[in-house]
PDB file of all heavy atoms in Angstrom:
ATOM      1  N   GLY A   1     -42.414 119.712 155.487  1.00  0.00           N
ATOM      2  CA  GLY A   1     -40.992 119.795 155.500  1.00  0.00           C
ATOM      3  C   GLY A   1     -40.414 120.725 156.454  1.00  0.00           C
ATOM      4  O   GLY A   1     -39.189 121.025 156.496  1.00  0.00           O
ATOM      5  N   GLN A   2     -41.268 121.263 157.398  1.00  0.00           N
ATOM      6  CA  GLN A   2     -40.805 122.229 158.417  1.00  0.00           C
ATOM      7  C   GLN A   2     -40.399 121.455 159.752  1.00  0.00           C
ATOM      8  O   GLN A   2     -41.170 121.469 160.742  1.00  0.00           O
ATOM      9  CB  GLN A   2     -41.844 123.249 158.722  1.00  0.00           C
ATOM     10  CG  GLN A   2     -42.266 124.043 157.419  1.00  0.00           C
ATOM     11  CD  GLN A   2     -43.308 125.129 157.674  1.00  0.00           C
ATOM     12  OE1 GLN A   2     -43.507 125.646 158.750  1.00  0.00           O
ATOM     13  NE2 GLN A   2     -44.072 125.449 156.682  1.00  0.00           N
ATOM     14  N   TYR A   3     -39.292 120.851 159.647  1.00  0.00           N
ATOM     15  CA  TYR A   3     -38.948 119.844 160.672  1.00  0.00           C
ATOM     16  C   TYR A   3     -38.664 120.464 162.042  1.00  0.00           C
ATOM     17  O   TYR A   3     -38.983 119.929 163.112  1.00  0.00           O
ATOM     18  CB  TYR A   3     -37.809 118.984 160.212  1.00  0.00           C
ATOM     19  CG  TYR A   3     -38.129 118.203 158.999  1.00  0.00           C
ATOM     20  CD1 TYR A   3     -37.467 118.562 157.738  1.00  0.00           C
ATOM     21  CD2 TYR A   3     -39.068 117.271 158.952  1.00  0.00           C
ATOM     22  CE1 TYR A   3     -37.795 117.852 156.572  1.00  0.00           C
ATOM     23  CE2 TYR A   3     -39.435 116.488 157.747  1.00  0.00           C
ATOM     24  CZ  TYR A   3     -38.733 116.882 156.618  1.00  0.00           C
ATOM     25  OH  TYR A   3     -39.091 116.163 155.484  1.00  0.00           O
ATOM     26  N   ASP A   4     -38.055 121.661 162.098  1.00  0.00           N
ATOM     27  CA  ASP A   4     -37.777 122.278 163.318  1.00  0.00           C
ATOM     28  C   ASP A   4     -39.021 122.613 164.081  1.00  0.00           C
ATOM     29  O   ASP A   4     -39.167 122.453 165.324  1.00  0.00           O
ATOM     30  CB  ASP A   4     -36.905 123.565 163.187  1.00  0.00           C
ATOM     31  CG  ASP A   4     -35.492 123.219 162.769  1.00  0.00           C
ATOM     32  OD1 ASP A   4     -35.041 122.105 163.076  1.00  0.00           O
ATOM     33  OD2 ASP A   4     -34.784 124.043 162.204  1.00  0.00           O
ATOM     34  N   LYS A   5     -40.021 123.159 163.313  1.00  0.00           N
ATOM     35  CA  LYS A   5     -41.342 123.563 163.916  1.00  0.00           C
ATOM     36  C   LYS A   5     -42.060 122.297 164.288  1.00  0.00           C
ATOM     37  O   LYS A   5     -42.736 122.205 165.356  1.00  0.00           O
ATOM     38  CB  LYS A   5     -42.137 124.340 162.844  1.00  0.00           C
ATOM     39  CG  LYS A   5     -42.078 125.802 163.009  1.00  0.00           C
ATOM     40  CD  LYS A   5     -42.785 126.291 164.181  1.00  0.00           C
ATOM     41  CE  LYS A   5     -42.756 127.858 164.255  1.00  0.00           C
ATOM     42  NZ  LYS A   5     -43.274 128.293 165.561  1.00  0.00           N
ATOM     43  N   ALA A   6     -41.974 121.167 163.430  1.00  0.00           N
ATOM     44  CA  ALA A   6     -42.608 119.943 163.785  1.00  0.00           C
ATOM     45  C   ALA A   6     -42.103 119.396 165.131  1.00  0.00           C
ATOM     46  O   ALA A   6     -42.855 118.919 165.949  1.00  0.00           O
ATOM     47  CB  ALA A   6     -42.449 118.984 162.673  1.00  0.00           C
ATOM     48  N   ARG A   7     -40.790 119.429 165.296  1.00  0.00           N
ATOM     49  CA  ARG A   7     -40.166 118.991 166.484  1.00  0.00           C
ATOM     50  C   ARG A   7     -40.696 119.826 167.678  1.00  0.00           C
ATOM     51  O   ARG A   7     -40.976 119.295 168.786  1.00  0.00           O
ATOM     52  CB  ARG A   7     -38.619 119.094 166.346  1.00  0.00           C
ATOM     53  CG  ARG A   7     -37.912 118.720 167.671  1.00  0.00           C
ATOM     54  CD  ARG A   7     -36.420 118.747 167.426  1.00  0.00           C
ATOM     55  NE  ARG A   7     -35.739 118.518 168.728  1.00  0.00           N
ATOM     56  CZ  ARG A   7     -34.384 118.428 168.788  1.00  0.00           C
ATOM     57  NH1 ARG A   7     -33.601 118.626 167.710  1.00  0.00           N
ATOM     58  NH2 ARG A   7     -33.773 118.228 170.006  1.00  0.00           N
ATOM     59  N   GLU A   8     -40.664 121.142 167.485  1.00  0.00           N
ATOM     60  CA  GLU A   8     -41.154 122.034 168.584  1.00  0.00           C
ATOM     61  C   GLU A   8     -42.562 121.725 169.116  1.00  0.00           C
ATOM     62  O   GLU A   8     -42.770 121.618 170.284  1.00  0.00           O
ATOM     63  CB  GLU A   8     -41.132 123.542 168.071  1.00  0.00           C
ATOM     64  CG  GLU A   8     -41.589 124.467 169.109  1.00  0.00           C
ATOM     65  CD  GLU A   8     -41.716 125.844 168.527  1.00  0.00           C
ATOM     66  OE1 GLU A   8     -41.113 126.190 167.509  1.00  0.00           O
ATOM     67  OE2 GLU A   8     -42.632 126.689 169.012  1.00  0.00           O
ATOM     68  N   TYR A   9     -43.464 121.456 168.145  1.00  0.00           N
ATOM     69  CA  TYR A   9     -44.798 121.142 168.532  1.00  0.00           C
ATOM     70  C   TYR A   9     -44.914 119.758 169.121  1.00  0.00           C
ATOM     71  O   TYR A   9     -45.743 119.576 170.130  1.00  0.00           O
ATOM     72  CB  TYR A   9     -45.772 121.280 167.302  1.00  0.00           C
ATOM     73  CG  TYR A   9     -46.151 122.683 166.981  1.00  0.00           C
ATOM     74  CD1 TYR A   9     -45.692 123.315 165.816  1.00  0.00           C
ATOM     75  CD2 TYR A   9     -46.807 123.443 167.888  1.00  0.00           C
ATOM     76  CE1 TYR A   9     -45.963 124.656 165.510  1.00  0.00           C
ATOM     77  CE2 TYR A   9     -47.181 124.791 167.673  1.00  0.00           C
ATOM     78  CZ  TYR A   9     -46.724 125.391 166.499  1.00  0.00           C
ATOM     79  OH  TYR A   9     -47.014 126.673 166.178  1.00  0.00           O
ATOM     80  N   GLN A  10     -44.211 118.815 168.655  1.00  0.00           N
ATOM     81  CA  GLN A  10     -44.296 117.422 169.211  1.00  0.00           C
ATOM     82  C   GLN A  10     -43.761 117.449 170.637  1.00  0.00           C
ATOM     83  O   GLN A  10     -44.254 116.751 171.489  1.00  0.00           O
ATOM     84  CB  GLN A  10     -43.470 116.464 168.401  1.00  0.00           C
ATOM     85  CG  GLN A  10     -44.129 116.161 167.047  1.00  0.00           C
ATOM     86  CD  GLN A  10     -45.473 115.512 167.011  1.00  0.00           C
ATOM     87  OE1 GLN A  10     -45.983 115.246 168.081  1.00  0.00           O
ATOM     88  NE2 GLN A  10     -45.979 115.297 165.861  1.00  0.00           N
ATOM     89  N   GLU A  11     -42.651 118.319 170.882  1.00  0.00           N
ATOM     90  CA  GLU A  11     -42.096 118.384 172.238  1.00  0.00           C
ATOM     91  C   GLU A  11     -43.050 119.072 173.206  1.00  0.00           C
ATOM     92  O   GLU A  11     -43.156 118.709 174.435  1.00  0.00           O
ATOM     93  CB  GLU A  11     -40.767 119.088 172.185  1.00  0.00           C
ATOM     94  CG  GLU A  11     -39.690 118.265 171.540  1.00  0.00           C
ATOM     95  CD  GLU A  11     -38.318 118.973 171.413  1.00  0.00           C
ATOM     96  OE1 GLU A  11     -38.330 120.203 171.406  1.00  0.00           O
ATOM     97  OE2 GLU A  11     -37.323 118.246 171.192  1.00  0.00           O
ATOM     98  N   LYS A  12     -43.797 120.068 172.629  1.00  0.00           N
ATOM     99  CA  LYS A  12     -44.868 120.725 173.493  1.00  0.00           C
ATOM    100  C   LYS A  12     -45.947 119.673 173.875  1.00  0.00           C
ATOM    101  O   LYS A  12     -46.453 119.631 175.050  1.00  0.00           O
ATOM    102  CB  LYS A  12     -45.435 121.889 172.700  1.00  0.00           C
ATOM    103  CG  LYS A  12     -44.581 123.141 172.776  1.00  0.00           C
ATOM    104  CD  LYS A  12     -45.322 124.242 172.034  1.00  0.00           C
ATOM    105  CE  LYS A  12     -44.369 125.568 172.116  1.00  0.00           C
ATOM    106  NZ  LYS A  12     -45.091 126.727 171.397  1.00  0.00           N
ATOM    107  N   ALA A  13     -46.355 118.905 172.923  1.00  0.00           N
ATOM    108  CA  ALA A  13     -47.380 117.888 173.186  1.00  0.00           C
ATOM    109  C   ALA A  13     -46.825 116.929 174.222  1.00  0.00           C
ATOM    110  O   ALA A  13     -47.569 116.591 175.212  1.00  0.00           O
ATOM    111  CB  ALA A  13     -47.763 117.053 171.811  1.00  0.00           C
ATOM    112  N   LEU A  14     -45.623 116.408 174.073  1.00  0.00           N
ATOM    113  CA  LEU A  14     -45.047 115.526 175.036  1.00  0.00           C
ATOM    114  C   LEU A  14     -45.011 116.138 176.453  1.00  0.00           C
ATOM    115  O   LEU A  14     -45.309 115.392 177.459  1.00  0.00           O
ATOM    116  CB  LEU A  14     -43.669 115.155 174.575  1.00  0.00           C
ATOM    117  CG  LEU A  14     -42.798 114.188 175.442  1.00  0.00           C
ATOM    118  CD1 LEU A  14     -43.612 112.867 175.667  1.00  0.00           C
ATOM    119  CD2 LEU A  14     -41.502 113.938 174.891  1.00  0.00           C
ATOM    120  N   ALA A  15     -44.621 117.367 176.516  1.00  0.00           N
ATOM    121  CA  ALA A  15     -44.445 118.001 177.864  1.00  0.00           C
ATOM    122  C   ALA A  15     -45.798 118.016 178.630  1.00  0.00           C
ATOM    123  O   ALA A  15     -45.903 117.752 179.773  1.00  0.00           O
ATOM    124  CB  ALA A  15     -43.947 119.464 177.722  1.00  0.00           C
ATOM    125  N   ILE A  16     -46.867 118.368 177.849  1.00  0.00           N
ATOM    126  CA  ILE A  16     -48.262 118.413 178.436  1.00  0.00           C
ATOM    127  C   ILE A  16     -48.707 116.978 178.869  1.00  0.00           C
ATOM    128  O   ILE A  16     -49.222 116.788 179.945  1.00  0.00           O
ATOM    129  CB  ILE A  16     -49.269 119.046 177.449  1.00  0.00           C
ATOM    130  CG1 ILE A  16     -48.889 120.444 177.241  1.00  0.00           C
ATOM    131  CG2 ILE A  16     -50.636 118.948 178.079  1.00  0.00           C
ATOM    132  CD1 ILE A  16     -49.758 121.159 176.160  1.00  0.00           C
ATOM    133  N   GLN A  17     -48.452 116.031 177.950  1.00  0.00           N
ATOM    134  CA  GLN A  17     -48.855 114.682 178.304  1.00  0.00           C
ATOM    135  C   GLN A  17     -48.129 114.080 179.512  1.00  0.00           C
ATOM    136  O   GLN A  17     -48.739 113.376 180.322  1.00  0.00           O
ATOM    137  CB  GLN A  17     -48.552 113.822 177.084  1.00  0.00           C
ATOM    138  CG  GLN A  17     -49.575 113.988 175.956  1.00  0.00           C
ATOM    139  CD  GLN A  17     -49.113 113.773 174.599  1.00  0.00           C
ATOM    140  OE1 GLN A  17     -47.928 113.448 174.374  1.00  0.00           O
ATOM    141  NE2 GLN A  17     -49.959 113.909 173.556  1.00  0.00           N
ATOM    142  N   LYS A  18     -46.896 114.425 179.711  1.00  0.00           N
ATOM    143  CA  LYS A  18     -46.178 114.013 180.910  1.00  0.00           C
ATOM    144  C   LYS A  18     -46.721 114.741 182.103  1.00  0.00           C
ATOM    145  O   LYS A  18     -46.902 114.190 183.186  1.00  0.00           O
ATOM    146  CB  LYS A  18     -44.710 114.374 180.752  1.00  0.00           C
ATOM    147  CG  LYS A  18     -43.991 113.480 179.698  1.00  0.00           C
ATOM    148  CD  LYS A  18     -42.616 113.872 179.393  1.00  0.00           C
ATOM    149  CE  LYS A  18     -41.570 113.238 180.240  1.00  0.00           C
ATOM    150  NZ  LYS A  18     -40.193 113.532 179.785  1.00  0.00           N
ATOM    151  N   GLU A  19     -47.071 116.047 182.002  1.00  0.00           N
ATOM    152  CA  GLU A  19     -47.580 116.850 183.030  1.00  0.00           C
ATOM    153  C   GLU A  19     -48.954 116.351 183.515  1.00  0.00           C
ATOM    154  O   GLU A  19     -49.146 116.251 184.776  1.00  0.00           O
ATOM    155  CB  GLU A  19     -47.819 118.287 182.547  1.00  0.00           C
ATOM    156  CG  GLU A  19     -48.433 119.228 183.534  1.00  0.00           C
ATOM    157  CD  GLU A  19     -48.937 120.455 182.806  1.00  0.00           C
ATOM    158  OE1 GLU A  19     -48.281 120.976 181.941  1.00  0.00           O
ATOM    159  OE2 GLU A  19     -50.092 120.979 183.198  1.00  0.00           O
ATOM    160  N   ILE A  20     -49.823 115.895 182.583  1.00  0.00           N
ATOM    161  CA  ILE A  20     -51.143 115.502 183.016  1.00  0.00           C
ATOM    162  C   ILE A  20     -51.204 113.914 183.194  1.00  0.00           C
ATOM    163  O   ILE A  20     -52.301 113.371 183.500  1.00  0.00           O
ATOM    164  CB  ILE A  20     -52.245 115.891 181.949  1.00  0.00           C
ATOM    165  CG1 ILE A  20     -52.050 115.233 180.639  1.00  0.00           C
ATOM    166  CG2 ILE A  20     -52.258 117.393 181.884  1.00  0.00           C
ATOM    167  CD1 ILE A  20     -53.112 115.587 179.586  1.00  0.00           C
ATOM    168  N   GLY A  21     -50.113 113.239 182.993  1.00  0.00           N
ATOM    169  CA  GLY A  21     -50.086 111.822 183.271  1.00  0.00           C
ATOM    170  C   GLY A  21     -50.713 110.910 182.165  1.00  0.00           C
ATOM    171  O   GLY A  21     -51.160 109.831 182.451  1.00  0.00           O
ATOM    172  N   ASP A  22     -50.731 111.479 180.912  1.00  0.00           N
ATOM    173  CA  ASP A  22     -51.323 110.725 179.818  1.00  0.00           C
ATOM    174  C   ASP A  22     -50.250 109.833 179.193  1.00  0.00           C
ATOM    175  O   ASP A  22     -49.581 110.166 178.306  1.00  0.00           O
ATOM    176  CB  ASP A  22     -51.907 111.694 178.788  1.00  0.00           C
ATOM    177  CG  ASP A  22     -52.502 111.040 177.542  1.00  0.00           C
ATOM    178  OD1 ASP A  22     -52.571 109.744 177.587  1.00  0.00           O
ATOM    179  OD2 ASP A  22     -52.891 111.796 176.576  1.00  0.00           O
ATOM    180  N   ARG A  23     -50.128 108.611 179.733  1.00  0.00           N
ATOM    181  CA  ARG A  23     -49.045 107.679 179.340  1.00  0.00           C
ATOM    182  C   ARG A  23     -49.301 107.246 177.851  1.00  0.00           C
ATOM    183  O   ARG A  23     -48.368 107.028 177.091  1.00  0.00           O
ATOM    184  CB  ARG A  23     -49.040 106.488 180.218  1.00  0.00           C
ATOM    185  CG  ARG A  23     -48.682 106.806 181.660  1.00  0.00           C
ATOM    186  CD  ARG A  23     -47.202 107.210 181.827  1.00  0.00           C
ATOM    187  NE  ARG A  23     -46.375 106.060 181.807  1.00  0.00           N
ATOM    188  CZ  ARG A  23     -45.062 106.052 181.636  1.00  0.00           C
ATOM    189  NH1 ARG A  23     -44.399 107.210 181.445  1.00  0.00           N
ATOM    190  NH2 ARG A  23     -44.320 104.971 181.613  1.00  0.00           N
ATOM    191  N   ASP A  24     -50.565 107.040 177.479  1.00  0.00           N
ATOM    192  CA  ASP A  24     -50.851 106.573 176.143  1.00  0.00           C
ATOM    193  C   ASP A  24     -50.432 107.745 175.106  1.00  0.00           C
ATOM    194  O   ASP A  24     -49.777 107.442 174.141  1.00  0.00           O
ATOM    195  CB  ASP A  24     -52.364 106.341 176.013  1.00  0.00           C
ATOM    196  CG  ASP A  24     -52.723 105.722 174.678  1.00  0.00           C
ATOM    197  OD1 ASP A  24     -51.953 104.760 174.241  1.00  0.00           O
ATOM    198  OD2 ASP A  24     -53.671 106.123 174.059  1.00  0.00           O
ATOM    199  N   GLY A  25     -50.811 108.905 175.454  1.00  0.00           N
ATOM    200  CA  GLY A  25     -50.398 110.072 174.532  1.00  0.00           C
ATOM    201  C   GLY A  25     -48.906 110.304 174.565  1.00  0.00           C
ATOM    202  O   GLY A  25     -48.355 110.667 173.511  1.00  0.00           O
ATOM    203  N   GLU A  26     -48.308 110.035 175.751  1.00  0.00           N
ATOM    204  CA  GLU A  26     -46.871 110.230 175.868  1.00  0.00           C
ATOM    205  C   GLU A  26     -46.117 109.223 174.878  1.00  0.00           C
ATOM    206  O   GLU A  26     -45.193 109.615 174.210  1.00  0.00           O
ATOM    207  CB  GLU A  26     -46.424 109.964 177.249  1.00  0.00           C
ATOM    208  CG  GLU A  26     -45.026 110.360 177.633  1.00  0.00           C
ATOM    209  CD  GLU A  26     -44.684 110.058 179.038  1.00  0.00           C
ATOM    210  OE1 GLU A  26     -45.606 110.055 179.914  1.00  0.00           O
ATOM    211  OE2 GLU A  26     -43.501 109.925 179.335  1.00  0.00           O
ATOM    212  N   ALA A  27     -46.583 108.049 174.883  1.00  0.00           N
ATOM    213  CA  ALA A  27     -46.017 107.002 173.960  1.00  0.00           C
ATOM    214  C   ALA A  27     -46.196 107.436 172.490  1.00  0.00           C
ATOM    215  O   ALA A  27     -45.246 107.250 171.691  1.00  0.00           O
ATOM    216  CB  ALA A  27     -46.738 105.648 174.116  1.00  0.00           C
ATOM    217  N   THR A  28     -47.382 107.947 172.164  1.00  0.00           N
ATOM    218  CA  THR A  28     -47.612 108.381 170.763  1.00  0.00           C
ATOM    219  C   THR A  28     -46.691 109.542 170.363  1.00  0.00           C
ATOM    220  O   THR A  28     -46.069 109.589 169.299  1.00  0.00           O
ATOM    221  CB  THR A  28     -49.023 108.933 170.602  1.00  0.00           C
ATOM    222  OG1 THR A  28     -49.964 107.864 170.933  1.00  0.00           O
ATOM    223  CG2 THR A  28     -49.317 109.431 169.156  1.00  0.00           C
ATOM    224  N   SER A  29     -46.463 110.462 171.303  1.00  0.00           N
ATOM    225  CA  SER A  29     -45.524 111.595 171.007  1.00  0.00           C
ATOM    226  C   SER A  29     -44.127 111.148 170.920  1.00  0.00           C
ATOM    227  O   SER A  29     -43.348 111.682 170.028  1.00  0.00           O
ATOM    228  CB  SER A  29     -45.654 112.656 172.186  1.00  0.00           C
ATOM    229  OG  SER A  29     -46.850 113.357 172.135  1.00  0.00           O
ATOM    230  N   TYR A  30     -43.644 110.226 171.648  1.00  0.00           N
ATOM    231  CA  TYR A  30     -42.310 109.687 171.489  1.00  0.00           C
ATOM    232  C   TYR A  30     -42.184 109.076 170.111  1.00  0.00           C
ATOM    233  O   TYR A  30     -41.180 109.225 169.398  1.00  0.00           O
ATOM    234  CB  TYR A  30     -41.948 108.551 172.570  1.00  0.00           C
ATOM    235  CG  TYR A  30     -41.528 109.170 173.883  1.00  0.00           C
ATOM    236  CD1 TYR A  30     -42.243 108.838 175.098  1.00  0.00           C
ATOM    237  CD2 TYR A  30     -40.515 110.130 174.012  1.00  0.00           C
ATOM    238  CE1 TYR A  30     -41.807 109.342 176.309  1.00  0.00           C
ATOM    239  CE2 TYR A  30     -40.098 110.608 175.226  1.00  0.00           C
ATOM    240  CZ  TYR A  30     -40.820 110.228 176.418  1.00  0.00           C
ATOM    241  OH  TYR A  30     -40.419 110.711 177.614  1.00  0.00           O
ATOM    242  N   GLY A  31     -43.219 108.322 169.753  1.00  0.00           N
ATOM    243  CA  GLY A  31     -43.215 107.650 168.372  1.00  0.00           C
ATOM    244  C   GLY A  31     -43.125 108.764 167.218  1.00  0.00           C
ATOM    245  O   GLY A  31     -42.387 108.575 166.314  1.00  0.00           O
ATOM    246  N   ASP A  32     -43.954 109.829 167.423  1.00  0.00           N
ATOM    247  CA  ASP A  32     -43.921 110.890 166.413  1.00  0.00           C
ATOM    248  C   ASP A  32     -42.592 111.610 166.370  1.00  0.00           C
ATOM    249  O   ASP A  32     -42.090 111.928 165.286  1.00  0.00           O
ATOM    250  CB  ASP A  32     -45.063 111.899 166.773  1.00  0.00           C
ATOM    251  CG  ASP A  32     -46.406 111.326 166.583  1.00  0.00           C
ATOM    252  OD1 ASP A  32     -46.590 110.467 165.754  1.00  0.00           O
ATOM    253  OD2 ASP A  32     -47.380 111.925 167.179  1.00  0.00           O
ATOM    254  N   LEU A  33     -41.973 111.869 167.519  1.00  0.00           N
ATOM    255  CA  LEU A  33     -40.705 112.448 167.522  1.00  0.00           C
ATOM    256  C   LEU A  33     -39.610 111.540 166.932  1.00  0.00           C
ATOM    257  O   LEU A  33     -38.711 112.015 166.251  1.00  0.00           O
ATOM    258  CB  LEU A  33     -40.296 112.830 168.983  1.00  0.00           C
ATOM    259  CG  LEU A  33     -40.874 114.109 169.561  1.00  0.00           C
ATOM    260  CD1 LEU A  33     -40.751 114.170 171.094  1.00  0.00           C
ATOM    261  CD2 LEU A  33     -40.102 115.316 168.945  1.00  0.00           C
ATOM    262  N   GLY A  34     -39.798 110.204 167.159  1.00  0.00           N
ATOM    263  CA  GLY A  34     -38.868 109.277 166.570  1.00  0.00           C
ATOM    264  C   GLY A  34     -38.917 109.370 165.040  1.00  0.00           C
ATOM    265  O   GLY A  34     -37.962 109.321 164.341  1.00  0.00           O
ATOM    266  N   THR A  35     -40.141 109.400 164.510  1.00  0.00           N
ATOM    267  CA  THR A  35     -40.337 109.499 163.104  1.00  0.00           C
ATOM    268  C   THR A  35     -39.718 110.814 162.507  1.00  0.00           C
ATOM    269  O   THR A  35     -39.165 110.825 161.484  1.00  0.00           O
ATOM    270  CB  THR A  35     -41.888 109.490 162.789  1.00  0.00           C
ATOM    271  OG1 THR A  35     -42.423 108.250 163.328  1.00  0.00           O
ATOM    272  CG2 THR A  35     -42.127 109.542 161.297  1.00  0.00           C
TER     273      THR A  35
END
């Protein structure tokens, strides 16, 4: 139930995936953030 922290970590994951070009991981992170 720690949604602000959850959002922070998912956004960090997304930033790295975009940086390293991991499109599959990027899609997963968008989905997790949507949830």
